């Protein structure tokens, strides 16, 4: 069970980095860091999922 949670956490982190990278390439560095674009919002959602699943993973292994 811990492995599945950790896999979901890593996948969501990877997707967040990909979305952020694509957004930086598309519109530039400073505008990509704002929350106005759809890709920035998706990256933020996946970072939130990453944090939630990472915390649950850390609780499970202890």
C-alpha atoms as a PDB file:
ATOM      1  CA  UNK A   1       0.000   0.000   0.000  1.00  0.00           C
ATOM      2  CA  UNK A   2       2.850   2.358   0.817  1.00  0.00           C
ATOM      3  CA  UNK A   3       4.371   1.740  -2.592  1.00  0.00           C
ATOM      4  CA  UNK A   4       1.156   2.711  -4.373  1.00  0.00           C
ATOM      5  CA  UNK A   5       0.873   5.939  -2.371  1.00  0.00           C
ATOM      6  CA  UNK A   6       4.524   6.773  -3.050  1.00  0.00           C
ATOM      7  CA  UNK A   7       4.063   6.050  -6.761  1.00  0.00           C
ATOM      8  CA  UNK A   8       1.059   8.385  -6.917  1.00  0.00           C
ATOM      9  CA  UNK A   9       3.055  11.084  -5.105  1.00  0.00           C
ATOM     10  CA  UNK A  10       5.989  10.812  -7.500  1.00  0.00           C
ATOM     11  CA  UNK A  11       3.727  10.771 -10.547  1.00  0.00           C
ATOM     12  CA  UNK A  12       1.893  13.892  -9.448  1.00  0.00           C
ATOM     13  CA  UNK A  13       5.209  15.639  -8.732  1.00  0.00           C
ATOM     14  CA  UNK A  14       6.474  14.718 -12.195  1.00  0.00           C
ATOM     15  CA  UNK A  15       3.272  15.977 -13.832  1.00  0.00           C
ATOM     16  CA  UNK A  16       3.498  19.247 -11.892  1.00  0.00           C
ATOM     17  CA  UNK A  17       7.067  19.769 -13.082  1.00  0.00           C
ATOM     18  CA  UNK A  18       6.102  18.960 -16.666  1.00  0.00           C
ATOM     19  CA  UNK A  19       3.161  21.390 -16.618  1.00  0.00           C
ATOM     20  CA  UNK A  20       5.296  24.118 -15.092  1.00  0.00           C
ATOM     21  CA  UNK A  21       8.076  23.537 -17.625  1.00  0.00           C
ATOM     22  CA  UNK A  22       5.684  23.626 -20.555  1.00  0.00           C
ATOM     23  CA  UNK A  23       4.132  26.800 -19.198  1.00  0.00           C
ATOM     24  CA  UNK A  24       7.556  28.436 -18.835  1.00  0.00           C
ATOM     25  CA  UNK A  25       8.410  27.501 -22.409  1.00  0.00           C
ATOM     26  CA  UNK A  26       5.066  28.762 -23.736  1.00  0.00           C
ATOM     27  CA  UNK A  27       4.756  32.150 -22.051  1.00  0.00           C
ATOM     28  CA  UNK A  28       8.059  32.907 -20.310  1.00  0.00           C
ATOM     29  CA  UNK A  29       9.358  32.617 -16.780  1.00  0.00           C
ATOM     30  CA  UNK A  30       7.659  35.409 -14.828  1.00  0.00           C
ATOM     31  CA  UNK A  31       4.149  35.075 -16.360  1.00  0.00           C
ATOM     32  CA  UNK A  32       4.310  31.289 -15.861  1.00  0.00           C
ATOM     33  CA  UNK A  33       4.660  31.719 -12.118  1.00  0.00           C
ATOM     34  CA  UNK A  34       1.338  33.548 -11.842  1.00  0.00           C
ATOM     35  CA  UNK A  35      -1.804  31.586 -11.043  1.00  0.00           C
ATOM     36  CA  UNK A  36      -3.761  33.045 -13.979  1.00  0.00           C
ATOM     37  CA  UNK A  37      -2.919  30.432 -16.605  1.00  0.00           C
ATOM     38  CA  UNK A  38      -4.541  27.016 -16.793  1.00  0.00           C
ATOM     39  CA  UNK A  39      -1.213  25.158 -16.779  1.00  0.00           C
ATOM     40  CA  UNK A  40      -0.116  26.999 -13.644  1.00  0.00           C
ATOM     41  CA  UNK A  41      -3.333  26.027 -11.933  1.00  0.00           C
ATOM     42  CA  UNK A  42      -2.878  22.389 -12.943  1.00  0.00           C
ATOM     43  CA  UNK A  43       0.717  22.436 -11.696  1.00  0.00           C
ATOM     44  CA  UNK A  44      -0.474  23.812  -8.364  1.00  0.00           C
ATOM     45  CA  UNK A  45      -3.168  21.135  -8.084  1.00  0.00           C
ATOM     46  CA  UNK A  46      -0.652  18.380  -8.766  1.00  0.00           C
ATOM     47  CA  UNK A  47       1.746  19.871  -6.199  1.00  0.00           C
ATOM     48  CA  UNK A  48      -1.082  19.759  -3.668  1.00  0.00           C
ATOM     49  CA  UNK A  49      -1.767  16.121  -4.527  1.00  0.00           C
ATOM     50  CA  UNK A  50       1.955  15.433  -4.157  1.00  0.00           C
ATOM     51  CA  UNK A  51       2.048  16.984  -0.690  1.00  0.00           C
ATOM     52  CA  UNK A  52      -1.044  15.103   0.479  1.00  0.00           C
ATOM     53  CA  UNK A  53       0.190  11.730  -0.732  1.00  0.00           C
ATOM     54  CA  UNK A  54       3.733  12.337   0.540  1.00  0.00           C
ATOM     55  CA  UNK A  55       2.406  13.115   4.010  1.00  0.00           C
ATOM     56  CA  UNK A  56       0.198  10.022   3.931  1.00  0.00           C
ATOM     57  CA  UNK A  57       3.203   7.958   2.813  1.00  0.00           C
ATOM     58  CA  UNK A  58       5.272   9.263   5.713  1.00  0.00           C
ATOM     59  CA  UNK A  59       2.452   8.449   8.144  1.00  0.00           C
ATOM     60  CA  UNK A  60       2.127   4.933   6.739  1.00  0.00           C
ATOM     61  CA  UNK A  61       5.809   4.038   7.063  1.00  0.00           C
ATOM     62  CA  UNK A  62       5.994   5.099  10.713  1.00  0.00           C
END
